[in-house]
Structure formats: structure tokens, C-alpha cells
Amino acid sequence: MLEERCHMRLAAKELQIQQQQKKTAEHKEAQITRAAEKQLWQDIQLSKMRAVHSKKLAAPPPDVVKEPKVDNVDVASIVVRFDGI
């Protein structure tokens, strides 16, 4: 009877250790998953921010660029200054 009880305690202890290891592994896996999801979210946000900034800095398409409008100007009225010579 005593020997049987000792074996039961040992089996219960082993089961408890296995459950604890399983719980620890699941916790680590959940941590890794959360970290990966957070990194993905940050990458998406950074990508969106870069897309917004690149749109601000991008040159307009060639069909939108217009030639500057020049009014009829008398060439004689243009004054060229050479300061510092």
C-alpha cells in the first residue's frame, strides 16, 4: 500500500511538471505571436507613413505640368544688374 501510494505521488508530480512545462511553452509561444503581430502592425504603420510622405514629395505627372505663362514683355524694359564686379 505504501509503495503504491509512493508511485501515485511520483506520477502526480511528473504530471504536474509536464503540465507546467506545457503551460510555459504555450506562454512563450503566445509571447512570440504577440511580438510578431506587434512588429507587423508597426511595419504596416511605417509603410503607410512612408507612402504618405512619398506622395507629398513625388513630382506631378508630366501631363499635369504646364508651361509657364509668359506675357508680352518688352525686352528693353529688362534691367540686368552686375553688382560686385
PDB file of N, CA and C in Angstrom:
ATOM      1  N   MET A   1       0.818  -1.189   0.000  1.00  0.00           N
ATOM      2  CA  MET A   1       0.000   0.000   0.000  1.00  0.00           C
ATOM      3  C   MET A   1       0.867   1.260   0.000  1.00  0.00           C
ATOM      4  N   LEU A   2       1.892   1.266   0.825  1.00  0.00           N
ATOM      5  CA  LEU A   2       2.784   2.411   0.912  1.00  0.00           C
ATOM      6  C   LEU A   2       3.544   2.609  -0.392  1.00  0.00           C
ATOM      7  N   GLU A   3       3.950   1.516  -0.982  1.00  0.00           N
ATOM      8  CA  GLU A   3       4.684   1.573  -2.249  1.00  0.00           C
ATOM      9  C   GLU A   3       3.786   2.096  -3.367  1.00  0.00           C
ATOM     10  N   GLU A   4       2.551   1.646  -3.346  1.00  0.00           N
ATOM     11  CA  GLU A   4       1.584   2.086  -4.351  1.00  0.00           C
ATOM     12  C   GLU A   4       1.323   3.593  -4.220  1.00  0.00           C
ATOM     13  N   ARG A   5       1.203   4.061  -3.010  1.00  0.00           N
ATOM     14  CA  ARG A   5       0.977   5.489  -2.757  1.00  0.00           C
ATOM     15  C   ARG A   5       2.186   6.318  -3.211  1.00  0.00           C
ATOM     16  N   CYS A   6       3.356   5.805  -2.995  1.00  0.00           N
ATOM     17  CA  CYS A   6       4.591   6.483  -3.419  1.00  0.00           C
ATOM     18  C   CYS A   6       4.625   6.615  -4.941  1.00  0.00           C
ATOM     19  N   HIS A   7       4.236   5.552  -5.644  1.00  0.00           N
ATOM     20  CA  HIS A   7       4.188   5.586  -7.113  1.00  0.00           C
ATOM     21  C   HIS A   7       3.143   6.595  -7.602  1.00  0.00           C
ATOM     22  N   MET A   8       2.011   6.676  -6.908  1.00  0.00           N
ATOM     23  CA  MET A   8       0.965   7.619  -7.294  1.00  0.00           C
ATOM     24  C   MET A   8       1.445   9.065  -7.118  1.00  0.00           C
ATOM     25  N   ARG A   9       2.153   9.316  -5.998  1.00  0.00           N
ATOM     26  CA  ARG A   9       2.696  10.655  -5.777  1.00  0.00           C
ATOM     27  C   ARG A   9       3.701  11.014  -6.860  1.00  0.00           C
ATOM     28  N   LEU A  10       4.546  10.071  -7.182  1.00  0.00           N
ATOM     29  CA  LEU A  10       5.563  10.301  -8.211  1.00  0.00           C
ATOM     30  C   LEU A  10       4.902  10.575  -9.562  1.00  0.00           C
ATOM     31  N   ALA A  11       3.869   9.810  -9.900  1.00  0.00           N
ATOM     32  CA  ALA A  11       3.151  10.015 -11.163  1.00  0.00           C
ATOM     33  C   ALA A  11       2.454  11.376 -11.160  1.00  0.00           C
ATOM     34  N   ALA A  12       1.866  11.749 -10.026  1.00  0.00           N
ATOM     35  CA  ALA A  12       1.200  13.049  -9.931  1.00  0.00           C
ATOM     36  C   ALA A  12       2.214  14.180 -10.078  1.00  0.00           C
ATOM     37  N   LYS A  13       3.371  14.007  -9.466  1.00  0.00           N
ATOM     38  CA  LYS A  13       4.420  15.031  -9.562  1.00  0.00           C
ATOM     39  C   LYS A  13       4.904  15.166 -11.012  1.00  0.00           C
ATOM     40  N   GLU A  14       5.103  14.047 -11.692  1.00  0.00           N
ATOM     41  CA  GLU A  14       5.525  14.075 -13.096  1.00  0.00           C
ATOM     42  C   GLU A  14       4.458  14.734 -13.966  1.00  0.00           C
ATOM     43  N   LEU A  15       3.197  14.423 -13.707  1.00  0.00           N
ATOM     44  CA  LEU A  15       2.098  15.030 -14.453  1.00  0.00           C
ATOM     45  C   LEU A  15       2.073  16.545 -14.229  1.00  0.00           C
ATOM     46  N   GLN A  16       2.285  16.955 -12.979  1.00  0.00           N
ATOM     47  CA  GLN A  16       2.304  18.377 -12.652  1.00  0.00           C
ATOM     48  C   GLN A  16       3.454  19.076 -13.379  1.00  0.00           C
ATOM     49  N   ILE A  17       4.611  18.460 -13.425  1.00  0.00           N
ATOM     50  CA  ILE A  17       5.771  19.033 -14.119  1.00  0.00           C
ATOM     51  C   ILE A  17       5.488  19.144 -15.613  1.00  0.00           C
ATOM     52  N   GLN A  18       4.892  18.100 -16.200  1.00  0.00           N
ATOM     53  CA  GLN A  18       4.558  18.129 -17.623  1.00  0.00           C
ATOM     54  C   GLN A  18       3.557  19.238 -17.933  1.00  0.00           C
ATOM     55  N   GLN A  19       2.553  19.387 -17.081  1.00  0.00           N
ATOM     56  CA  GLN A  19       1.562  20.442 -17.289  1.00  0.00           C
ATOM     57  C   GLN A  19       2.199  21.828 -17.181  1.00  0.00           C
ATOM     58  N   GLN A  20       3.103  21.969 -16.219  1.00  0.00           N
ATOM     59  CA  GLN A  20       3.780  23.249 -16.045  1.00  0.00           C
ATOM     60  C   GLN A  20       4.654  23.562 -17.262  1.00  0.00           C
ATOM     61  N   GLN A  21       5.362  22.564 -17.785  1.00  0.00           N
ATOM     62  CA  GLN A  21       6.192  22.766 -18.973  1.00  0.00           C
ATOM     63  C   GLN A  21       5.328  23.118 -20.182  1.00  0.00           C
ATOM     64  N   LYS A  22       4.179  22.454 -20.304  1.00  0.00           N
ATOM     65  CA  LYS A  22       3.267  22.734 -21.412  1.00  0.00           C
ATOM     66  C   LYS A  22       2.747  24.163 -21.313  1.00  0.00           C
ATOM     67  N   LYS A  23       2.373  24.573 -20.100  1.00  0.00           N
ATOM     68  CA  LYS A  23       1.871  25.927 -19.889  1.00  0.00           C
ATOM     69  C   LYS A  23       2.957  26.958 -20.200  1.00  0.00           C
ATOM     70  N   THR A  24       4.182  26.693 -19.796  1.00  0.00           N
ATOM     71  CA  THR A  24       5.304  27.598 -20.073  1.00  0.00           C
ATOM     72  C   THR A  24       5.551  27.702 -21.572  1.00  0.00           C
ATOM     73  N   ALA A  25       5.495  26.573 -22.269  1.00  0.00           N
ATOM     74  CA  ALA A  25       5.696  26.581 -23.722  1.00  0.00           C
ATOM     75  C   ALA A  25       4.589  27.368 -24.418  1.00  0.00           C
ATOM     76  N   GLU A  26       3.347  27.186 -23.973  1.00  0.00           N
ATOM     77  CA  GLU A  26       2.232  27.935 -24.561  1.00  0.00           C
ATOM     78  C   GLU A  26       2.380  29.431 -24.300  1.00  0.00           C
ATOM     79  N   HIS A  27       2.843  29.774 -23.103  1.00  0.00           N
ATOM     80  CA  HIS A  27       3.045  31.185 -22.755  1.00  0.00           C
ATOM     81  C   HIS A  27       4.122  31.807 -23.647  1.00  0.00           C
ATOM     82  N   LYS A  28       5.223  31.082 -23.839  1.00  0.00           N
ATOM     83  CA  LYS A  28       6.297  31.593 -24.703  1.00  0.00           C
ATOM     84  C   LYS A  28       5.811  31.740 -26.143  1.00  0.00           C
ATOM     85  N   GLU A  29       5.045  30.773 -26.607  1.00  0.00           N
ATOM     86  CA  GLU A  29       4.507  30.835 -27.967  1.00  0.00           C
ATOM     87  C   GLU A  29       3.572  32.035 -28.125  1.00  0.00           C
ATOM     88  N   ALA A  30       2.757  32.282 -27.101  1.00  0.00           N
ATOM     89  CA  ALA A  30       1.852  33.439 -27.137  1.00  0.00           C
ATOM     90  C   ALA A  30       2.650  34.741 -27.147  1.00  0.00           C
ATOM     91  N   GLN A  31       3.730  34.794 -26.373  1.00  0.00           N
ATOM     92  CA  GLN A  31       4.590  35.985 -26.356  1.00  0.00           C
ATOM     93  C   GLN A  31       5.187  36.235 -27.735  1.00  0.00           C
ATOM     94  N   ILE A  32       5.687  35.186 -28.355  1.00  0.00           N
ATOM     95  CA  ILE A  32       6.293  35.310 -29.681  1.00  0.00           C
ATOM     96  C   ILE A  32       5.243  35.761 -30.693  1.00  0.00           C
ATOM     97  N   THR A  33       4.047  35.198 -30.601  1.00  0.00           N
ATOM     98  CA  THR A  33       2.962  35.581 -31.511  1.00  0.00           C
ATOM     99  C   THR A  33       2.602  37.049 -31.340  1.00  0.00           C
ATOM    100  N   ARG A  34       2.475  37.494 -30.089  1.00  0.00           N
ATOM    101  CA  ARG A  34       2.155  38.908 -29.837  1.00  0.00           C
ATOM    102  C   ARG A  34       3.256  39.820 -30.358  1.00  0.00           C
ATOM    103  N   ALA A  35       4.509  39.428 -30.150  1.00  0.00           N
ATOM    104  CA  ALA A  35       5.628  40.244 -30.631  1.00  0.00           C
ATOM    105  C   ALA A  35       5.621  40.325 -32.157  1.00  0.00           C
ATOM    106  N   ALA A  36       5.328  39.201 -32.817  1.00  0.00           N
ATOM    107  CA  ALA A  36       5.279  39.194 -34.284  1.00  0.00           C
ATOM    108  C   ALA A  36       4.127  40.055 -34.793  1.00  0.00           C
ATOM    109  N   GLU A  37       2.970  39.968 -34.131  1.00  0.00           N
ATOM    110  CA  GLU A  37       1.826  40.792 -34.537  1.00  0.00           C
ATOM    111  C   GLU A  37       2.117  42.276 -34.330  1.00  0.00           C
ATOM    112  N   LYS A  38       2.774  42.602 -33.235  1.00  0.00           N
ATOM    113  CA  LYS A  38       3.126  43.999 -32.958  1.00  0.00           C
ATOM    114  C   LYS A  38       4.100  44.512 -34.013  1.00  0.00           C
ATOM    115  N   GLN A  39       5.097  43.702 -34.358  1.00  0.00           N
ATOM    116  CA  GLN A  39       6.072  44.105 -35.369  1.00  0.00           C
ATOM    117  C   GLN A  39       5.397  44.291 -36.722  1.00  0.00           C
ATOM    118  N   LEU A  40       4.486  43.399 -37.059  1.00  0.00           N
ATOM    119  CA  LEU A  40       3.748  43.517 -38.316  1.00  0.00           C
ATOM    120  C   LEU A  40       2.936  44.806 -38.332  1.00  0.00           C
ATOM    121  N   TRP A  41       2.249  45.104 -37.227  1.00  0.00           N
ATOM    122  CA  TRP A  41       1.453  46.333 -37.133  1.00  0.00           C
ATOM    123  C   TRP A  41       2.349  47.557 -37.292  1.00  0.00           C
ATOM    124  N   GLN A  42       3.520  47.553 -36.630  1.00  0.00           N
ATOM    125  CA  GLN A  42       4.444  48.683 -36.736  1.00  0.00           C
ATOM    126  C   GLN A  42       4.957  48.827 -38.164  1.00  0.00           C
ATOM    127  N   ASP A  43       5.255  47.711 -38.815  1.00  0.00           N
ATOM    128  CA  ASP A  43       5.721  47.759 -40.201  1.00  0.00           C
ATOM    129  C   ASP A  43       4.645  48.332 -41.125  1.00  0.00           C
ATOM    130  N   ILE A  44       3.403  47.938 -40.888  1.00  0.00           N
ATOM    131  CA  ILE A  44       2.302  48.456 -41.709  1.00  0.00           C
ATOM    132  C   ILE A  44       2.151  49.956 -41.498  1.00  0.00           C
ATOM    133  N   GLN A  45       2.218  50.399 -40.241  1.00  0.00           N
ATOM    134  CA  GLN A  45       2.096  51.829 -39.949  1.00  0.00           C
ATOM    135  C   GLN A  45       3.234  52.614 -40.588  1.00  0.00           C
ATOM    136  N   LEU A  46       4.451  52.082 -40.507  1.00  0.00           N
ATOM    137  CA  LEU A  46       5.603  52.744 -41.111  1.00  0.00           C
ATOM    138  C   LEU A  46       5.457  52.806 -42.625  1.00  0.00           C
ATOM    139  N   SER A  47       4.960  51.737 -43.211  1.00  0.00           N
ATOM    140  CA  SER A  47       4.741  51.705 -44.654  1.00  0.00           C
ATOM    141  C   SER A  47       3.714  52.753 -45.065  1.00  0.00           C
ATOM    142  N   LYS A  48       2.639  52.866 -44.281  1.00  0.00           N
ATOM    143  CA  LYS A  48       1.620  53.875 -44.579  1.00  0.00           C
ATOM    144  C   LYS A  48       2.210  55.278 -44.481  1.00  0.00           C
ATOM    145  N   MET A  49       3.016  55.503 -43.446  1.00  0.00           N
ATOM    146  CA  MET A  49       3.613  56.814 -43.252  1.00  0.00           C
ATOM    147  C   MET A  49       4.552  57.153 -44.408  1.00  0.00           C
ATOM    148  N   ARG A  50       5.333  56.178 -44.823  1.00  0.00           N
ATOM    149  CA  ARG A  50       6.247  56.405 -45.950  1.00  0.00           C
ATOM    150  C   ARG A  50       5.468  56.671 -47.231  1.00  0.00           C
ATOM    151  N   ALA A  51       4.353  55.987 -47.411  1.00  0.00           N
ATOM    152  CA  ALA A  51       3.534  56.191 -48.605  1.00  0.00           C
ATOM    153  C   ALA A  51       2.983  57.606 -48.623  1.00  0.00           C
ATOM    154  N   VAL A  52       2.555  58.100 -47.479  1.00  0.00           N
ATOM    155  CA  VAL A  52       2.022  59.463 -47.400  1.00  0.00           C
ATOM    156  C   VAL A  52       3.121  60.466 -47.706  1.00  0.00           C
ATOM    157  N   HIS A  53       4.304  60.257 -47.113  1.00  0.00           N
ATOM    158  CA  HIS A  53       5.407  61.184 -47.344  1.00  0.00           C
ATOM    159  C   HIS A  53       5.891  61.135 -48.788  1.00  0.00           C
ATOM    160  N   SER A  54       5.902  59.950 -49.380  1.00  0.00           N
ATOM    161  CA  SER A  54       6.367  59.857 -50.767  1.00  0.00           C
ATOM    162  C   SER A  54       5.380  60.533 -51.711  1.00  0.00           C
ATOM    163  N   LYS A  55       4.100  60.503 -51.362  1.00  0.00           N
ATOM    164  CA  LYS A  55       3.113  61.197 -52.193  1.00  0.00           C
ATOM    165  C   LYS A  55       3.314  62.702 -52.114  1.00  0.00           C
ATOM    166  N   LYS A  56       3.700  63.191 -50.938  1.00  0.00           N
ATOM    167  CA  LYS A  56       3.939  64.623 -50.779  1.00  0.00           C
ATOM    168  C   LYS A  56       5.168  65.060 -51.565  1.00  0.00           C
ATOM    169  N   LEU A  57       6.173  64.204 -51.622  1.00  0.00           N
ATOM    170  CA  LEU A  57       7.426  64.559 -52.267  1.00  0.00           C
ATOM    171  C   LEU A  57       7.452  64.233 -53.754  1.00  0.00           C
ATOM    172  N   ALA A  58       6.538  63.428 -54.219  1.00  0.00           N
ATOM    173  CA  ALA A  58       6.557  62.990 -55.612  1.00  0.00           C
ATOM    174  C   ALA A  58       6.242  64.150 -56.546  1.00  0.00           C
ATOM    175  N   ALA A  59       6.894  64.135 -57.688  1.00  0.00           N
ATOM    176  CA  ALA A  59       6.642  65.158 -58.705  1.00  0.00           C
ATOM    177  C   ALA A  59       5.309  64.858 -59.378  1.00  0.00           C
ATOM    178  N   PRO A  60       4.633  65.880 -59.831  1.00  0.00           N
ATOM    179  CA  PRO A  60       3.362  65.632 -60.507  1.00  0.00           C
ATOM    180  C   PRO A  60       3.594  64.928 -61.840  1.00  0.00           C
ATOM    181  N   PRO A  61       2.612  64.223 -62.341  1.00  0.00           N
ATOM    182  CA  PRO A  61       2.764  63.533 -63.619  1.00  0.00           C
ATOM    183  C   PRO A  61       3.031  64.534 -64.746  1.00  0.00           C
ATOM    184  N   PRO A  62       3.704  64.106 -65.813  1.00  0.00           N
ATOM    185  CA  PRO A  62       4.083  65.018 -66.896  1.00  0.00           C
ATOM    186  C   PRO A  62       2.896  65.714 -67.558  1.00  0.00           C
ATOM    187  N   ASP A  63       1.748  65.063 -67.619  1.00  0.00           N
ATOM    188  CA  ASP A  63       0.606  65.697 -68.278  1.00  0.00           C
ATOM    189  C   ASP A  63       0.010  66.828 -67.432  1.00  0.00           C
ATOM    190  N   VAL A  64       0.338  66.869 -66.153  1.00  0.00           N
ATOM    191  CA  VAL A  64      -0.168  67.917 -65.274  1.00  0.00           C
ATOM    192  C   VAL A  64       0.728  69.154 -65.323  1.00  0.00           C
ATOM    193  N   VAL A  65       2.017  68.957 -65.585  1.00  0.00           N
ATOM    194  CA  VAL A  65       2.960  70.072 -65.612  1.00  0.00           C
ATOM    195  C   VAL A  65       2.647  70.953 -66.816  1.00  0.00           C
ATOM    196  N   LYS A  66       2.477  72.227 -66.551  1.00  0.00           N
ATOM    197  CA  LYS A  66       2.131  73.165 -67.617  1.00  0.00           C
ATOM    198  C   LYS A  66       3.315  74.082 -67.881  1.00  0.00           C
ATOM    199  N   GLU A  67       3.355  74.562 -69.073  1.00  0.00           N
ATOM    200  CA  GLU A  67       4.383  75.541 -69.424  1.00  0.00           C
ATOM    201  C   GLU A  67       4.063  76.848 -68.707  1.00  0.00           C
ATOM    202  N   PRO A  68       5.082  77.541 -68.232  1.00  0.00           N
ATOM    203  CA  PRO A  68       4.812  78.813 -67.564  1.00  0.00           C
ATOM    204  C   PRO A  68       4.238  79.827 -68.547  1.00  0.00           C
ATOM    205  N   LYS A  69       3.307  80.597 -68.075  1.00  0.00           N
ATOM    206  CA  LYS A  69       2.659  81.594 -68.914  1.00  0.00           C
ATOM    207  C   LYS A  69       3.532  82.848 -68.941  1.00  0.00           C
ATOM    208  N   VAL A  70       3.849  83.303 -70.136  1.00  0.00           N
ATOM    209  CA  VAL A  70       4.685  84.491 -70.295  1.00  0.00           C
ATOM    210  C   VAL A  70       3.861  85.549 -71.019  1.00  0.00           C
ATOM    211  N   ASP A  71       3.719  86.684 -70.367  1.00  0.00           N
ATOM    212  CA  ASP A  71       3.020  87.800 -71.005  1.00  0.00           C
ATOM    213  C   ASP A  71       3.986  88.490 -71.959  1.00  0.00           C
ATOM    214  N   ASN A  72       3.441  89.227 -72.856  1.00  0.00           N
ATOM    215  CA  ASN A  72       4.293  90.001 -73.765  1.00  0.00           C
ATOM    216  C   ASN A  72       5.064  91.032 -72.953  1.00  0.00           C
ATOM    217  N   VAL A  73       6.372  90.865 -72.928  1.00  0.00           N
ATOM    218  CA  VAL A  73       7.234  91.756 -72.162  1.00  0.00           C
ATOM    219  C   VAL A  73       8.173  92.442 -73.136  1.00  0.00           C
ATOM    220  N   ASP A  74       8.330  93.712 -72.947  1.00  0.00           N
ATOM    221  CA  ASP A  74       9.260  94.469 -73.770  1.00  0.00           C
ATOM    222  C   ASP A  74      10.669  94.138 -73.294  1.00  0.00           C
ATOM    223  N   VAL A  75      11.483  93.594 -74.176  1.00  0.00           N
ATOM    224  CA  VAL A  75      12.836  93.183 -73.829  1.00  0.00           C
ATOM    225  C   VAL A  75      13.663  94.375 -73.356  1.00  0.00           C
ATOM    226  N   ALA A  76      13.409  95.540 -73.853  1.00  0.00           N
ATOM    227  CA  ALA A  76      14.171  96.732 -73.468  1.00  0.00           C
ATOM    228  C   ALA A  76      13.904  97.118 -72.019  1.00  0.00           C
ATOM    229  N   SER A  77      12.784  96.677 -71.459  1.00  0.00           N
ATOM    230  CA  SER A  77      12.473  97.052 -70.083  1.00  0.00           C
ATOM    231  C   SER A  77      13.170  96.153 -69.061  1.00  0.00           C
ATOM    232  N   ILE A  78      13.814  95.082 -69.513  1.00  0.00           N
ATOM    233  CA  ILE A  78      14.516  94.182 -68.605  1.00  0.00           C
ATOM    234  C   ILE A  78      15.848  94.812 -68.237  1.00  0.00           C
ATOM    235  N   VAL A  79      16.096  94.940 -66.946  1.00  0.00           N
ATOM    236  CA  VAL A  79      17.333  95.544 -66.456  1.00  0.00           C
ATOM    237  C   VAL A  79      18.198  94.432 -65.895  1.00  0.00           C
ATOM    238  N   VAL A  80      19.409  94.327 -66.387  1.00  0.00           N
ATOM    239  CA  VAL A  80      20.353  93.339 -65.892  1.00  0.00           C
ATOM    240  C   VAL A  80      21.345  94.070 -65.016  1.00  0.00           C
ATOM    241  N   ARG A  81      21.524  93.609 -63.784  1.00  0.00           N
ATOM    242  CA  ARG A  81      22.432  94.283 -62.859  1.00  0.00           C
ATOM    243  C   ARG A  81      23.629  93.382 -62.610  1.00  0.00           C
ATOM    244  N   PHE A  82      24.780  93.952 -62.624  1.00  0.00           N
ATOM    245  CA  PHE A  82      26.016  93.253 -62.314  1.00  0.00           C
ATOM    246  C   PHE A  82      26.606  93.901 -61.075  1.00  0.00           C
ATOM    247  N   ASP A  83      26.163  93.482 -59.932  1.00  0.00           N
ATOM    248  CA  ASP A  83      26.685  94.033 -58.683  1.00  0.00           C
ATOM    249  C   ASP A  83      27.944  93.275 -58.291  1.00  0.00           C
ATOM    250  N   GLY A  84      28.894  93.996 -57.766  1.00  0.00           N
ATOM    251  CA  GLY A  84      30.104  93.372 -57.251  1.00  0.00           C
ATOM    252  C   GLY A  84      31.179  93.132 -58.277  1.00  0.00           C
ATOM    253  N   ILE A  85      31.038  93.643 -59.470  1.00  0.00           N
ATOM    254  CA  ILE A  85      32.084  93.439 -60.477  1.00  0.00           C
ATOM    255  C   ILE A  85      32.889  94.692 -60.608  1.00  0.00           C
TER     256      ILE A  85
END
